Amino acid sequence: VPGVSSWFMVDTGLSYDFNENLTFQLNIDNLFNRTPPYAATASRRGMITYISGILERYATLSVRASF
């Protein structure tokens, strides 16, 4: 998009096998909580339509167990 600076988002994940039956996983999207550039367009009334994904930091924690 002309006039919009470059931008990148850092995502990360960590997984820990507690034992063979139990795994913990932590995922963080937008690790540094960077705000993307915003390009308002007249045709879209300023809605952000070109960014795929979330705009703020987001974390998920999961546990996988097998019996």
N, C-alpha and C. Protein backbone atom coordinates (compact mmCIF):
# COMPACT_ATOMS: atom_id res chain seq x y z
N VAL A 1 0.85 -1.16 0.00
CA VAL A 1 0.00 0.00 0.00
C VAL A 1 0.90 1.23 0.00
N PRO A 2 0.80 2.08 -1.00
CA PRO A 2 1.63 3.28 -1.04
C PRO A 2 1.42 4.16 0.19
N GLY A 3 2.52 4.66 0.73
CA GLY A 3 2.44 5.55 1.88
C GLY A 3 2.35 4.86 3.23
N VAL A 4 2.36 3.53 3.24
CA VAL A 4 2.30 2.78 4.50
C VAL A 4 3.65 2.11 4.72
N SER A 5 4.24 2.34 5.88
CA SER A 5 5.57 1.79 6.17
C SER A 5 5.51 0.28 6.35
N SER A 6 6.70 -0.34 6.23
CA SER A 6 6.77 -1.79 6.40
C SER A 6 6.52 -2.14 7.87
N TRP A 7 6.12 -3.38 8.11
CA TRP A 7 5.75 -3.80 9.45
C TRP A 7 5.85 -5.31 9.52
N PHE A 8 6.27 -5.83 10.65
CA PHE A 8 6.27 -7.28 10.83
C PHE A 8 5.82 -7.61 12.24
N MET A 9 5.33 -8.81 12.40
CA MET A 9 4.85 -9.28 13.68
C MET A 9 5.63 -10.53 14.06
N VAL A 10 6.04 -10.63 15.32
CA VAL A 10 6.79 -11.78 15.80
C VAL A 10 5.86 -12.67 16.62
N ASP A 11 5.79 -13.94 16.22
CA ASP A 11 5.02 -14.95 16.94
C ASP A 11 6.00 -15.98 17.50
N THR A 12 5.67 -16.59 18.60
CA THR A 12 6.56 -17.59 19.18
C THR A 12 5.75 -18.67 19.88
N GLY A 13 6.38 -19.78 20.11
CA GLY A 13 5.71 -20.88 20.79
C GLY A 13 6.72 -21.71 21.58
N LEU A 14 6.24 -22.32 22.63
CA LEU A 14 7.08 -23.15 23.49
C LEU A 14 6.27 -24.38 23.88
N SER A 15 6.91 -25.52 23.79
CA SER A 15 6.24 -26.76 24.15
C SER A 15 7.13 -27.52 25.13
N TYR A 16 6.52 -28.11 26.14
CA TYR A 16 7.27 -28.88 27.13
C TYR A 16 6.57 -30.21 27.36
N ASP A 17 7.32 -31.30 27.15
CA ASP A 17 6.81 -32.64 27.43
C ASP A 17 7.12 -32.97 28.89
N PHE A 18 6.10 -32.90 29.74
CA PHE A 18 6.28 -33.19 31.15
C PHE A 18 6.64 -34.66 31.34
N ASN A 19 5.95 -35.50 30.63
CA ASN A 19 6.28 -36.92 30.53
C ASN A 19 5.68 -37.42 29.22
N GLU A 20 5.69 -38.72 28.97
CA GLU A 20 5.20 -39.22 27.68
C GLU A 20 3.69 -39.06 27.50
N ASN A 21 2.97 -38.76 28.57
CA ASN A 21 1.52 -38.63 28.49
C ASN A 21 1.01 -37.21 28.69
N LEU A 22 1.89 -36.25 28.98
CA LEU A 22 1.45 -34.90 29.31
C LEU A 22 2.36 -33.85 28.66
N THR A 23 1.75 -32.98 27.85
CA THR A 23 2.49 -31.93 27.15
C THR A 23 1.81 -30.58 27.39
N PHE A 24 2.62 -29.58 27.70
CA PHE A 24 2.14 -28.21 27.85
C PHE A 24 2.64 -27.40 26.67
N GLN A 25 1.81 -26.49 26.16
CA GLN A 25 2.21 -25.66 25.03
C GLN A 25 1.73 -24.23 25.25
N LEU A 26 2.63 -23.26 25.03
CA LEU A 26 2.32 -21.84 25.13
C LEU A 26 2.63 -21.20 23.79
N ASN A 27 1.67 -20.48 23.22
CA ASN A 27 1.85 -19.75 21.97
C ASN A 27 1.55 -18.28 22.20
N ILE A 28 2.38 -17.40 21.65
CA ILE A 28 2.15 -15.96 21.75
C ILE A 28 2.24 -15.37 20.36
N ASP A 29 1.17 -14.71 19.93
CA ASP A 29 1.14 -13.99 18.66
C ASP A 29 1.36 -12.51 18.96
N ASN A 30 2.11 -11.83 18.10
CA ASN A 30 2.44 -10.41 18.26
C ASN A 30 3.16 -10.20 19.59
N LEU A 31 4.27 -10.91 19.77
CA LEU A 31 5.04 -10.93 21.01
C LEU A 31 5.37 -9.54 21.54
N PHE A 32 5.74 -8.62 20.67
CA PHE A 32 6.14 -7.28 21.10
C PHE A 32 4.99 -6.28 21.07
N ASN A 33 3.78 -6.77 20.81
CA ASN A 33 2.55 -5.97 20.82
C ASN A 33 2.68 -4.71 19.95
N ARG A 34 3.19 -4.90 18.74
CA ARG A 34 3.36 -3.78 17.81
C ARG A 34 2.06 -3.49 17.09
N THR A 35 1.75 -2.22 16.97
CA THR A 35 0.54 -1.80 16.27
C THR A 35 0.86 -1.67 14.79
N PRO A 36 0.08 -2.29 13.92
CA PRO A 36 0.36 -2.21 12.49
C PRO A 36 0.05 -0.83 11.94
N PRO A 37 0.66 -0.48 10.80
CA PRO A 37 0.30 0.79 10.15
C PRO A 37 -1.16 0.77 9.73
N TYR A 38 -1.76 1.91 9.68
CA TYR A 38 -3.17 2.02 9.36
C TYR A 38 -3.34 2.89 8.13
N ALA A 39 -3.96 2.35 7.12
CA ALA A 39 -4.19 3.10 5.88
C ALA A 39 -5.69 3.23 5.67
N ALA A 40 -6.23 4.39 6.00
CA ALA A 40 -7.66 4.62 5.80
C ALA A 40 -7.93 4.83 4.31
N THR A 41 -8.96 4.20 3.83
CA THR A 41 -9.34 4.37 2.43
C THR A 41 -10.78 4.85 2.36
N ALA A 42 -11.06 5.68 1.40
CA ALA A 42 -12.42 6.23 1.26
C ALA A 42 -13.42 5.14 0.91
N SER A 43 -12.97 4.15 0.14
CA SER A 43 -13.90 3.11 -0.30
C SER A 43 -14.30 2.16 0.83
N ARG A 44 -13.48 2.05 1.85
CA ARG A 44 -13.77 1.13 2.96
C ARG A 44 -14.07 1.88 4.26
N ARG A 45 -14.25 3.17 4.20
CA ARG A 45 -14.55 3.99 5.37
C ARG A 45 -13.55 3.80 6.51
N GLY A 46 -12.30 3.56 6.16
CA GLY A 46 -11.24 3.44 7.15
C GLY A 46 -11.14 2.09 7.83
N MET A 47 -11.84 1.09 7.35
CA MET A 47 -11.75 -0.23 7.96
C MET A 47 -10.45 -0.90 7.53
N ILE A 48 -9.84 -1.61 8.46
CA ILE A 48 -8.62 -2.35 8.14
C ILE A 48 -9.05 -3.66 7.47
N THR A 49 -8.71 -3.81 6.20
CA THR A 49 -9.13 -5.00 5.47
C THR A 49 -7.95 -5.78 4.92
N TYR A 50 -6.74 -5.29 5.11
CA TYR A 50 -5.58 -5.93 4.49
C TYR A 50 -4.71 -6.65 5.49
N ILE A 51 -5.11 -6.75 6.75
CA ILE A 51 -4.29 -7.41 7.75
C ILE A 51 -4.95 -8.73 8.12
N SER A 52 -4.20 -9.80 7.95
CA SER A 52 -4.71 -11.11 8.31
C SER A 52 -4.27 -11.43 9.73
N GLY A 53 -5.20 -11.68 10.61
CA GLY A 53 -4.85 -12.05 11.97
C GLY A 53 -5.22 -10.99 12.98
N ILE A 54 -4.62 -11.10 14.14
CA ILE A 54 -4.97 -10.22 15.25
C ILE A 54 -4.15 -8.95 15.23
N LEU A 55 -4.59 -7.96 15.99
CA LEU A 55 -3.88 -6.69 16.04
C LEU A 55 -3.16 -6.47 17.36
N GLU A 56 -3.47 -7.19 18.40
CA GLU A 56 -2.82 -7.05 19.69
C GLU A 56 -2.19 -8.37 20.10
N ARG A 57 -1.38 -8.33 21.17
CA ARG A 57 -0.77 -9.55 21.67
C ARG A 57 -1.86 -10.54 22.06
N TYR A 58 -1.61 -11.81 21.78
CA TYR A 58 -2.59 -12.86 22.05
C TYR A 58 -1.84 -14.11 22.48
N ALA A 59 -2.23 -14.71 23.57
CA ALA A 59 -1.54 -15.90 24.07
C ALA A 59 -2.54 -17.03 24.28
N THR A 60 -2.06 -18.25 24.01
CA THR A 60 -2.86 -19.44 24.29
C THR A 60 -1.99 -20.43 25.06
N LEU A 61 -2.60 -21.10 25.98
CA LEU A 61 -1.94 -22.15 26.75
C LEU A 61 -2.77 -23.41 26.59
N SER A 62 -2.11 -24.49 26.23
CA SER A 62 -2.85 -25.74 26.07
C SER A 62 -2.13 -26.88 26.79
N VAL A 63 -2.91 -27.86 27.16
CA VAL A 63 -2.40 -29.06 27.81
C VAL A 63 -2.94 -30.25 27.04
N ARG A 64 -2.04 -31.16 26.70
CA ARG A 64 -2.46 -32.37 25.99
C ARG A 64 -2.12 -33.57 26.87
N ALA A 65 -3.11 -34.37 27.15
CA ALA A 65 -2.91 -35.56 27.98
C ALA A 65 -3.42 -36.78 27.24
N SER A 66 -2.70 -37.86 27.37
CA SER A 66 -3.17 -39.12 26.79
C SER A 66 -3.27 -40.15 27.92
N PHE A 67 -4.27 -41.01 27.78
CA PHE A 67 -4.54 -42.00 28.83
C PHE A 67 -4.41 -43.39 28.28
